[in-house]
Amino acid sequence: MDPAVVLVLCLSSLLFLFLWRQSSGRGKLPPGPTPLPIIGNILQIDVKNKNKSFSHFSQVYGPVFTVYFGMKPVVVLHGYETVKEALIDHGEEFSGRGLFPLAERTSKGFGIIFSNGSRWKEIRRFTLMTLRNFGMGKRSIEERVQEEAHCLVEELRKTKASSCDPTFILSCAPCNVICSIVFQSRFDYKDQNFLTLMERFNKIIKMQSSPWILLCNNFPVLIDYFPGIHNKILENIALIKSYVLEKIKEHQESLDVNNPRDFIDCFLIKMEQEKHNSQSEFTMENLLSTVFDVFVAGTETTSTTLRYGLLLLLKHPEVTAKVQEEIDRVIGRHRSPCMQDRSHMPYTDAVLHEIQRYIDLVPNNLPHAVTRDIKFRNYLIPKGTTILTSLTSVLHDDKEFPNPEKFDPGHFLDESGNFKKSNFFMPFSTGKRICVGEGLARMELFLFLTSILQNFNLKSFTDAKKLNITLNSGGFISLPPLYKICFIPV
């Protein structure tokens, strides 16, 4: 038989098999656009703006629909009611972590972000408890954040009101807070180890926005057999983890079980307590991955929000002026801001919420997975199916937030100017997988931003009307455009 005929028959058989599997499997799943063999719906999704594509699909197929990234089905939940029903009302069933092949190459299922089942529950419970009880009578986390806010202000003074890119400085502050919690001590902003650590974090976040990384996560074979920037990401993660491992070894040598200094000490003590338990999750692999996860989640998300927030304040000087007026009235110029001030500063609180709502930092959340077969809105979703929850559809809901594409602190203020809560505010996700560092992040954003505006006026050499505030939402995190800013001492 002619080889060409054989090839055509083989390809036709594969295509038939693929279509048969899709039709038999899709009968249980929600409807969605018809996938192509092998590549799925990739060509029907705008990789630079998946939110726009998902919004279109939701209008056609409803708030629960299926898309195929490659050959894997992904169920997308669109809109507040759907997301709430899944992550809160059926929180346990939707609490799994979905496929994230590039991250799995390094985490191997350990840590807090990419683990599942009893391991995830135990490590998450321990991490939350340790963060809440941290200090054991010593300095509170708020005091650590206030100390770093002071250091940040002093570092900004060194710019001498000249135009600067704030990316690095605004990354250092939240990273140092994590360092003080995990390693006990903070770093000087000029420390070479610290500079190297920050540079690697920054590279990882920038590279993850590449379309190539989207391809790698949808076609994992590319990770193992093809060159590309994914190897640079893996290399930087490995280097950060080797640095963390050195710190862990230093802690092991100087550990005093009666006097834990930081998160690593607390974890090492727990490891010692459970050393005879062969099923214990308190292992070196989990410690290393958890510390790395805390660093990634606690550094880049907060620093990116701060950076984007300052850009929005440059774009809207009238908002900045109102925040500074409230700071002058409630805090004054002669003491540092504290968390108690927040309840007396409704406008500032509204601005912080609006920054987080507007920038929509993690548009589609980290992928979830269902932990068992579940009937959801008359669809049968099989165990292990990856779930994407569109946080954009919640944070930019036009019924809850009129003109959602407009930056307006009034979205969180009532008619009397009092702060107005909204159930739609879920930039940290919601349910059982809600960000473990939400409380710390909210504290940092308030204390850092008020400290900056207490001490500086913001200025740009670009006219406010011409400032570009268009976000890059092609990756996992929405990134602001690069910009320069002057911090003018008050």
Protein backbone atom coordinates (compact mmCIF):
# COMPACT_ATOMS: atom_id res chain seq x y z
CA MET A 1 0.00 0.00 0.00
CA ASP A 2 1.22 3.49 -0.83
CA PRO A 3 2.85 5.12 2.27
CA ALA A 4 0.89 8.30 1.60
CA VAL A 5 -2.38 6.36 1.76
CA VAL A 6 -1.28 4.72 5.00
CA LEU A 7 -0.46 8.14 6.46
CA VAL A 8 -3.84 9.55 5.44
CA LEU A 9 -5.65 6.53 6.92
CA CYS A 10 -3.70 6.83 10.19
CA LEU A 11 -4.39 10.55 10.48
CA SER A 12 -8.06 10.02 9.63
CA SER A 13 -8.30 7.32 12.29
CA LEU A 14 -6.68 9.61 14.87
CA LEU A 15 -9.03 12.43 13.93
CA PHE A 16 -12.06 10.11 14.17
CA LEU A 17 -10.87 8.82 17.56
CA PHE A 18 -10.35 12.37 18.82
CA LEU A 19 -13.79 13.52 17.68
CA TRP A 20 -15.43 10.41 19.14
CA ARG A 21 -13.74 11.00 22.51
CA GLN A 22 -14.80 14.64 22.47
CA SER A 23 -18.42 13.84 21.63
CA SER A 24 -18.66 11.08 24.24
CA GLY A 25 -16.91 13.08 26.93
CA ARG A 26 -18.51 16.45 26.18
CA GLY A 27 -21.97 14.98 26.79
CA LYS A 28 -21.21 15.19 30.51
CA LEU A 29 -19.48 18.57 30.39
CA PRO A 30 -20.99 22.03 29.84
CA PRO A 31 -21.28 23.20 26.21
CA GLY A 32 -18.58 25.25 24.51
CA PRO A 33 -16.93 26.06 21.20
CA THR A 34 -16.09 23.02 19.07
CA PRO A 35 -12.41 22.13 19.57
CA LEU A 36 -10.00 21.27 16.79
CA PRO A 37 -8.03 18.01 17.03
CA ILE A 38 -4.88 18.24 19.16
CA ILE A 39 -4.90 22.04 19.60
CA GLY A 40 -8.41 22.35 21.01
CA ASN A 41 -9.80 25.92 21.12
CA ILE A 42 -6.42 27.69 21.18
CA LEU A 43 -7.08 29.47 17.86
CA GLN A 44 -10.47 30.72 19.09
CA ILE A 45 -9.02 32.34 22.23
CA ASP A 46 -7.19 35.66 22.23
CA VAL A 47 -4.13 34.70 24.28
CA LYS A 48 -3.41 38.39 24.97
CA ASN A 49 -6.90 38.93 26.34
CA LYS A 50 -8.47 35.65 27.40
CA ASN A 51 -11.07 37.59 29.42
CA LYS A 52 -12.56 39.06 26.24
CA SER A 53 -12.82 35.61 24.67
CA PHE A 54 -14.36 34.13 27.84
CA SER A 55 -16.89 36.96 27.99
CA HIS A 56 -17.92 36.21 24.40
CA PHE A 57 -18.20 32.47 25.10
CA SER A 58 -20.35 33.13 28.18
CA GLN A 59 -22.81 35.13 26.05
CA VAL A 60 -23.08 32.22 23.63
CA TYR A 61 -22.95 29.19 25.95
CA GLY A 62 -23.96 30.59 29.35
CA PRO A 63 -22.03 31.19 32.60
CA VAL A 64 -20.64 27.63 32.69
CA PHE A 65 -18.85 26.47 29.54
CA THR A 66 -16.04 24.17 28.39
CA VAL A 67 -12.96 25.11 26.41
CA TYR A 68 -10.10 22.89 25.35
CA PHE A 69 -6.53 24.01 25.90
CA GLY A 70 -4.85 21.39 23.76
CA MET A 71 -6.60 18.07 24.39
CA LYS A 72 -7.56 18.84 28.00
CA PRO A 73 -11.07 20.13 28.80
CA VAL A 74 -11.28 23.14 31.09
CA VAL A 75 -14.59 24.25 32.59
CA VAL A 76 -14.84 28.03 32.90
CA LEU A 77 -17.08 29.68 35.51
CA HIS A 78 -18.20 33.17 34.55
CA GLY A 79 -20.00 35.69 36.74
CA TYR A 80 -20.42 36.23 40.49
CA GLU A 81 -23.28 33.82 41.12
CA THR A 82 -21.52 30.95 39.34
CA VAL A 83 -18.15 31.56 41.00
CA LYS A 84 -19.78 31.90 44.44
CA GLU A 85 -21.85 28.75 43.97
CA ALA A 86 -18.75 26.74 43.08
CA LEU A 87 -16.07 28.12 45.41
CA ILE A 88 -18.25 28.83 48.46
CA ASP A 89 -21.43 26.74 48.27
CA HIS A 90 -19.51 23.72 46.91
CA GLY A 91 -16.14 24.76 48.33
CA GLU A 92 -14.89 21.28 49.18
CA GLU A 93 -15.69 19.81 45.76
CA PHE A 94 -13.99 22.70 43.93
CA SER A 95 -10.95 22.93 46.25
CA GLY A 96 -8.54 20.89 44.13
CA ARG A 97 -5.62 22.46 42.31
CA GLY A 98 -5.85 22.25 38.54
CA LEU A 99 -3.09 21.31 36.13
CA PHE A 100 -0.17 23.75 35.89
CA PRO A 101 2.56 21.66 34.24
CA LEU A 102 5.43 24.18 34.39
CA ALA A 103 4.91 24.81 38.12
CA GLU A 104 4.51 21.10 38.77
CA ARG A 105 7.99 20.50 37.35
CA THR A 106 9.43 22.41 40.29
CA SER A 107 6.86 21.95 43.08
CA LYS A 108 6.30 18.21 42.44
CA GLY A 109 3.03 18.59 44.34
CA PHE A 110 4.67 19.92 47.53
CA GLY A 111 4.11 23.24 49.27
CA ILE A 112 0.90 25.21 49.67
CA ILE A 113 0.00 26.52 46.20
CA PHE A 114 0.23 23.41 44.02
CA SER A 115 -0.46 20.64 46.53
CA ASN A 116 -3.74 18.75 46.86
CA GLY A 117 -5.75 16.65 49.28
CA SER A 118 -4.68 16.09 52.88
CA ARG A 119 -1.20 17.48 52.19
CA TRP A 120 -2.61 20.80 51.05
CA LYS A 121 -5.04 20.99 53.98
CA GLU A 122 -2.37 20.25 56.58
CA ILE A 123 0.27 22.60 55.17
CA ARG A 124 -2.28 25.38 54.65
CA ARG A 125 -3.63 25.00 58.20
CA PHE A 126 -0.11 25.15 59.66
CA THR A 127 0.87 28.17 57.54
CA LEU A 128 -2.24 30.14 58.48
CA MET A 129 -1.81 29.35 62.16
CA THR A 130 1.88 30.28 62.12
CA LEU A 131 1.24 33.58 60.35
CA ARG A 132 -1.57 34.48 62.74
CA ASN A 133 0.34 33.55 65.87
CA PHE A 134 3.70 34.72 64.60
CA GLY A 135 5.95 36.42 67.09
CA MET A 136 4.63 34.63 70.17
CA GLY A 137 4.69 37.80 72.22
CA LYS A 138 7.48 39.46 70.21
CA ARG A 139 7.08 42.04 67.45
CA SER A 140 3.80 41.72 65.59
CA ILE A 141 3.61 41.47 61.83
CA GLU A 142 2.15 44.99 61.75
CA GLU A 143 5.28 46.32 63.45
CA ARG A 144 7.42 44.57 60.84
CA VAL A 145 5.39 46.13 58.01
CA GLN A 146 5.61 49.57 59.66
CA GLU A 147 9.39 49.18 59.96
CA GLU A 148 9.62 48.30 56.28
CA ALA A 149 7.34 51.19 55.33
CA HIS A 150 9.80 53.53 57.09
CA CYS A 151 12.72 51.94 55.20
CA LEU A 152 10.80 52.29 51.94
CA VAL A 153 10.20 56.01 52.56
CA GLU A 154 13.90 56.54 53.32
CA GLU A 155 14.86 54.70 50.13
CA LEU A 156 12.49 56.86 48.10
CA ARG A 157 14.07 59.99 49.62
CA LYS A 158 17.38 58.86 48.12
CA THR A 159 15.92 59.35 44.64
CA LYS A 160 16.12 63.09 45.40
CA ALA A 161 12.86 63.78 43.58
CA SER A 162 14.37 62.66 40.28
CA SER A 163 12.45 60.60 37.76
CA CYS A 164 12.79 56.87 38.47
CA ASP A 165 11.33 53.48 37.59
CA PRO A 166 9.68 52.35 40.86
CA THR A 167 9.62 48.63 39.98
CA PHE A 168 12.65 47.52 41.98
CA ILE A 169 12.07 49.64 45.11
CA LEU A 170 8.41 48.65 45.34
CA SER A 171 9.37 44.97 45.02
CA CYS A 172 11.96 45.20 47.80
CA ALA A 173 9.50 46.32 50.47
CA PRO A 174 7.04 43.38 50.43
CA CYS A 175 9.90 40.95 49.81
CA ASN A 176 11.64 42.21 52.94
CA VAL A 177 8.46 41.71 54.97
CA ILE A 178 8.42 38.06 53.85
CA CYS A 179 12.14 37.79 54.65
CA SER A 180 11.55 39.02 58.20
CA ILE A 181 8.76 36.47 58.68
CA VAL A 182 10.58 33.54 57.06
CA PHE A 183 14.26 34.31 57.76
CA GLN A 184 13.83 36.55 60.85
CA SER A 185 15.82 39.43 59.35
CA ARG A 186 15.37 41.92 56.52
CA PHE A 187 17.96 42.91 53.94
CA ASP A 188 19.47 46.27 53.11
CA TYR A 189 18.19 47.39 49.70
CA LYS A 190 21.78 47.35 48.40
CA ASP A 191 22.64 43.87 49.72
CA GLN A 192 23.96 41.80 46.80
CA ASN A 193 22.14 38.60 47.83
CA PHE A 194 18.93 40.58 48.09
CA LEU A 195 19.49 42.23 44.69
CA THR A 196 20.05 38.83 43.10
CA LEU A 197 16.94 37.38 44.75
CA MET A 198 14.82 40.30 43.54
CA GLU A 199 16.22 40.09 40.03
CA ARG A 200 15.27 36.41 39.77
CA PHE A 201 11.74 36.99 41.04
CA ASN A 202 11.34 39.81 38.53
CA LYS A 203 12.54 37.64 35.63
CA ILE A 204 10.15 34.83 36.54
CA ILE A 205 7.13 37.17 36.59
CA LYS A 206 8.08 38.86 33.30
CA MET A 207 8.72 35.58 31.48
CA GLN A 208 5.49 33.94 32.66
CA SER A 209 3.55 36.47 30.54
CA SER A 210 5.03 35.04 27.34
CA PRO A 211 2.69 33.20 24.91
CA TRP A 212 5.32 30.43 24.88
CA ILE A 213 4.61 29.71 28.56
CA LEU A 214 0.90 29.38 27.74
CA LEU A 215 1.84 26.82 25.09
CA CYS A 216 4.10 24.96 27.54
CA ASN A 217 1.32 24.67 30.11
CA ASN A 218 -1.09 23.37 27.49
CA PHE A 219 1.38 21.08 25.73
CA PRO A 220 3.72 19.83 28.51
CA VAL A 221 5.83 17.85 26.05
CA LEU A 222 7.38 21.19 25.05
CA ILE A 223 8.80 21.60 28.56
CA ASP A 224 10.86 18.42 28.43
CA TYR A 225 11.95 18.28 24.81
CA PHE A 226 12.14 21.81 23.40
CA PRO A 227 14.35 24.83 24.15
CA GLY A 228 12.72 28.08 25.23
CA ILE A 229 12.36 30.62 28.02
CA HIS A 230 10.60 28.02 30.18
CA ASN A 231 14.09 26.67 30.88
CA LYS A 232 15.13 30.09 32.17
CA ILE A 233 12.13 30.14 34.50
CA LEU A 234 13.00 26.67 35.81
CA GLU A 235 16.63 27.73 36.24
CA ASN A 236 15.71 30.86 38.23
CA ILE A 237 13.31 28.90 40.43
CA ALA A 238 16.03 26.32 41.11
CA LEU A 239 18.52 29.06 42.07
CA ILE A 240 16.02 30.70 44.46
CA LYS A 241 15.27 27.33 46.04
CA SER A 242 18.98 26.59 46.50
CA TYR A 243 19.31 29.91 48.35
CA VAL A 244 16.30 29.06 50.55
CA LEU A 245 17.81 25.62 51.24
CA GLU A 246 21.01 27.26 52.50
CA LYS A 247 18.95 29.36 54.89
CA ILE A 248 17.10 26.26 56.11
CA LYS A 249 20.41 24.50 56.82
CA GLU A 250 21.62 27.54 58.79
CA HIS A 251 18.42 27.39 60.83
CA GLN A 252 18.88 23.68 61.52
CA GLU A 253 22.32 24.36 62.98
CA SER A 254 21.15 27.12 65.30
CA LEU A 255 17.62 25.90 66.11
CA ASP A 256 16.33 26.40 69.65
CA VAL A 257 13.05 24.50 69.97
CA ASN A 258 12.06 26.65 72.94
CA ASN A 259 12.66 29.92 71.10
CA PRO A 260 11.42 29.84 67.47
CA ARG A 261 12.60 32.90 65.56
CA ASP A 262 10.57 32.68 62.35
CA PHE A 263 8.48 30.52 60.04
CA ILE A 264 11.35 28.16 59.20
CA ASP A 265 12.03 27.50 62.88
CA CYS A 266 8.34 26.75 63.50
CA PHE A 267 8.28 24.29 60.61
CA LEU A 268 11.53 22.60 61.73
CA ILE A 269 10.10 22.18 65.24
CA LYS A 270 6.98 20.59 63.75
CA MET A 271 9.21 18.27 61.70
CA GLU A 272 11.02 17.19 64.87
CA GLN A 273 7.72 16.58 66.67
CA GLU A 274 6.50 14.33 63.85
CA LYS A 275 9.77 12.60 62.94
CA HIS A 276 8.37 9.18 63.95
CA ASN A 277 5.23 9.65 61.85
CA SER A 278 5.96 8.07 58.47
CA GLN A 279 2.86 9.77 57.00
CA SER A 280 3.83 13.24 58.20
CA GLU A 281 3.63 16.06 55.67
CA PHE A 282 6.20 18.05 57.61
CA THR A 283 9.17 17.17 55.43
CA MET A 284 12.09 19.05 53.93
CA GLU A 285 10.41 18.96 50.49
CA ASN A 286 7.27 20.60 51.88
CA LEU A 287 9.26 23.18 53.85
CA LEU A 288 11.32 24.20 50.82
CA SER A 289 8.30 24.45 48.51
CA THR A 290 6.15 26.25 51.10
CA VAL A 291 8.80 28.91 51.76
CA PHE A 292 9.17 29.42 48.00
CA ASP A 293 5.39 29.68 47.58
CA VAL A 294 5.14 32.23 50.40
CA PHE A 295 7.89 34.29 48.75
CA VAL A 296 6.30 34.26 45.30
CA ALA A 297 2.77 34.93 46.53
CA GLY A 298 3.87 37.52 49.08
CA THR A 299 6.29 39.52 46.96
CA GLU A 300 5.21 39.98 43.37
CA THR A 301 1.46 40.26 43.88
CA THR A 302 1.76 43.05 46.46
CA SER A 303 4.54 44.91 44.64
CA THR A 304 2.68 44.76 41.32
CA THR A 305 -0.47 46.11 42.99
CA LEU A 306 1.53 48.96 44.56
CA ARG A 307 3.21 49.78 41.26
CA TYR A 308 -0.07 49.78 39.39
CA GLY A 309 -1.71 51.74 42.19
CA LEU A 310 0.83 54.56 41.99
CA LEU A 311 0.37 54.71 38.21
CA LEU A 312 -3.41 55.07 38.67
CA LEU A 313 -2.83 57.82 41.25
CA LEU A 314 -0.57 59.65 38.77
CA LYS A 315 -3.34 59.33 36.19
CA HIS A 316 -5.94 60.65 38.67
CA PRO A 317 -4.32 63.48 40.72
CA GLU A 318 -7.73 64.50 42.09
CA VAL A 319 -7.97 61.09 43.81
CA THR A 320 -4.43 61.44 45.18
CA ALA A 321 -5.28 64.87 46.63
CA LYS A 322 -8.33 63.48 48.47
CA VAL A 323 -6.29 60.60 49.94
CA GLN A 324 -3.60 63.01 51.13
CA GLU A 325 -6.21 65.27 52.68
CA GLU A 326 -7.60 62.30 54.62
CA ILE A 327 -4.08 61.29 55.71
CA ASP A 328 -3.42 64.83 57.00
CA ARG A 329 -6.71 64.88 58.88
CA VAL A 330 -6.57 61.41 60.46
CA ILE A 331 -2.84 60.61 60.80
CA GLY A 332 -1.04 63.92 60.42
CA ARG A 333 2.63 64.28 59.51
CA HIS A 334 4.35 63.31 62.75
CA ARG A 335 3.49 59.66 63.32
CA SER A 336 3.49 56.53 61.21
CA PRO A 337 0.22 55.12 59.86
CA CYS A 338 -1.20 52.09 61.69
CA MET A 339 -3.98 49.66 60.86
CA GLN A 340 -6.36 51.29 63.36
CA ASP A 341 -6.36 54.36 61.12
CA ARG A 342 -8.00 52.47 58.27
CA SER A 343 -11.47 52.42 59.84
CA HIS A 344 -11.32 56.23 60.07
CA MET A 345 -10.25 56.66 56.43
CA PRO A 346 -13.19 55.54 54.24
CA TYR A 347 -11.95 57.29 51.10
CA THR A 348 -8.47 55.79 51.30
CA ASP A 349 -10.00 52.38 51.98
CA ALA A 350 -12.22 52.81 48.91
CA VAL A 351 -9.22 53.80 46.77
CA LEU A 352 -7.28 50.70 47.84
CA HIS A 353 -10.26 48.47 47.02
CA GLU A 354 -10.79 50.20 43.68
CA ILE A 355 -7.11 49.78 42.74
CA GLN A 356 -7.38 46.04 43.36
CA ARG A 357 -10.73 45.79 41.57
CA TYR A 358 -9.62 47.81 38.57
CA ILE A 359 -6.26 46.13 37.94
CA ASP A 360 -7.77 42.65 38.22
CA LEU A 361 -4.39 41.20 39.19
CA VAL A 362 -5.09 37.49 38.61
CA PRO A 363 -7.85 37.58 35.96
CA ASN A 364 -8.67 33.88 35.84
CA ASN A 365 -7.39 32.80 39.23
CA LEU A 366 -5.07 29.86 39.65
CA PRO A 367 -6.66 26.74 38.11
CA HIS A 368 -8.90 24.75 40.43
CA ALA A 369 -10.00 21.13 39.99
CA VAL A 370 -13.01 19.20 41.22
CA THR A 371 -12.13 16.63 43.90
CA ARG A 372 -14.91 14.22 42.92
CA ASP A 373 -17.54 13.74 40.22
CA ILE A 374 -20.06 16.51 40.78
CA LYS A 375 -23.36 17.55 39.28
CA PHE A 376 -23.15 21.31 38.87
CA ARG A 377 -25.98 23.25 37.25
CA ASN A 378 -27.24 20.09 35.56
CA TYR A 379 -23.81 19.24 34.14
CA LEU A 380 -21.74 16.30 35.31
CA ILE A 381 -18.15 17.40 35.84
CA PRO A 382 -15.79 14.42 36.27
CA LYS A 383 -13.29 14.26 39.13
CA GLY A 384 -10.00 15.96 38.29
CA THR A 385 -11.43 18.31 35.65
CA THR A 386 -9.61 21.65 35.61
CA ILE A 387 -11.76 24.66 36.56
CA LEU A 388 -11.03 28.29 35.68
CA THR A 389 -12.92 30.93 37.65
CA SER A 390 -13.13 34.26 35.87
CA LEU A 391 -12.42 36.81 38.59
CA THR A 392 -12.59 39.50 35.90
CA SER A 393 -16.27 38.74 35.38
CA VAL A 394 -16.85 39.35 39.10
CA LEU A 395 -14.61 42.38 39.66
CA HIS A 396 -15.85 44.07 36.46
CA ASP A 397 -19.55 43.21 36.84
CA ASP A 398 -21.38 46.25 35.45
CA LYS A 399 -24.41 45.81 37.71
CA GLU A 400 -22.34 45.87 40.90
CA PHE A 401 -19.79 48.39 39.60
CA PRO A 402 -21.32 50.86 37.12
CA ASN A 403 -18.82 51.69 34.36
CA PRO A 404 -16.44 48.94 35.53
CA GLU A 405 -13.71 49.94 33.04
CA LYS A 406 -13.47 53.32 34.75
CA PHE A 407 -11.26 53.84 37.81
CA ASP A 408 -13.70 55.22 40.38
CA PRO A 409 -13.33 54.95 44.20
CA GLY A 410 -17.05 55.71 44.35
CA HIS A 411 -17.62 52.03 43.58
CA PHE A 412 -16.87 51.43 47.27
CA LEU A 413 -18.54 54.50 48.83
CA ASP A 414 -22.18 55.06 49.78
CA GLU A 415 -24.08 58.30 49.31
CA SER A 416 -22.76 59.62 52.65
CA GLY A 417 -19.13 58.97 51.78
CA ASN A 418 -18.87 55.94 54.07
CA PHE A 419 -16.97 52.85 52.95
CA LYS A 420 -19.27 50.32 51.27
CA LYS A 421 -18.38 46.62 51.27
CA SER A 422 -19.10 44.42 48.27
CA ASN A 423 -19.37 40.64 48.07
CA PHE A 424 -18.05 40.97 44.51
CA PHE A 425 -14.65 42.10 45.81
CA MET A 426 -12.58 38.95 45.47
CA PRO A 427 -9.11 39.86 44.11
CA PHE A 428 -7.67 37.21 46.47
CA SER A 429 -10.17 34.63 45.16
CA THR A 430 -12.67 33.16 47.62
CA GLY A 431 -13.59 29.90 49.32
CA LYS A 432 -11.19 27.27 50.61
CA ARG A 433 -8.36 28.24 48.23
CA ILE A 434 -8.48 31.95 49.05
CA CYS A 435 -4.98 33.47 49.23
CA VAL A 436 -3.36 32.48 52.53
CA GLY A 437 -1.61 35.87 52.72
CA GLU A 438 -4.69 38.03 52.17
CA GLY A 439 -4.51 39.69 55.59
CA LEU A 440 -0.81 40.48 55.22
CA ALA A 441 -1.26 41.83 51.68
CA ARG A 442 -4.12 44.14 52.72
CA MET A 443 -2.02 45.40 55.63
CA GLU A 444 1.00 46.06 53.41
CA LEU A 445 -1.01 47.88 50.75
CA PHE A 446 -2.55 50.22 53.33
CA LEU A 447 0.62 50.94 55.32
CA PHE A 448 2.94 51.26 52.31
CA LEU A 449 0.62 53.46 50.26
CA THR A 450 -0.35 55.79 53.11
CA SER A 451 3.31 56.10 54.18
CA ILE A 452 4.30 57.08 50.64
CA LEU A 453 1.51 59.64 50.24
CA GLN A 454 2.13 60.99 53.76
CA ASN A 455 5.71 61.85 52.82
CA PHE A 456 5.66 62.55 49.07
CA ASN A 457 3.74 64.20 46.31
CA LEU A 458 3.67 62.19 43.08
CA LYS A 459 4.75 63.71 39.79
CA SER A 460 5.16 62.50 36.24
CA PHE A 461 6.84 64.29 33.34
CA THR A 462 4.13 62.84 31.12
CA ASP A 463 0.81 64.68 31.11
CA ALA A 464 -1.70 62.75 33.24
CA LYS A 465 -4.13 62.51 30.31
CA LYS A 466 -1.45 60.85 28.16
CA LEU A 467 -0.29 58.30 30.73
CA ASN A 468 -0.70 54.75 29.48
CA ILE A 469 -2.44 52.57 32.08
CA THR A 470 -3.25 49.66 29.76
CA LEU A 471 -2.51 46.39 31.51
CA ASN A 472 -0.81 43.37 30.02
CA SER A 473 -3.13 40.49 30.89
CA GLY A 474 -1.58 37.88 28.62
CA GLY A 475 -0.02 35.97 31.49
CA PHE A 476 -1.11 34.64 34.84
CA ILE A 477 -0.72 38.10 36.44
CA SER A 478 -1.82 41.43 34.95
CA LEU A 479 1.24 43.66 34.63
CA PRO A 480 1.24 47.46 34.37
CA PRO A 481 3.22 49.21 31.62
CA LEU A 482 6.65 50.55 32.55
CA TYR A 483 6.59 54.15 33.71
CA LYS A 484 8.68 56.74 35.57
CA ILE A 485 7.65 58.74 38.59
CA CYS A 486 9.08 61.48 40.82
CA PHE A 487 8.64 61.30 44.59
CA ILE A 488 8.65 64.93 45.74
CA PRO A 489 9.16 65.25 49.53
CA VAL A 490 6.25 67.06 51.19
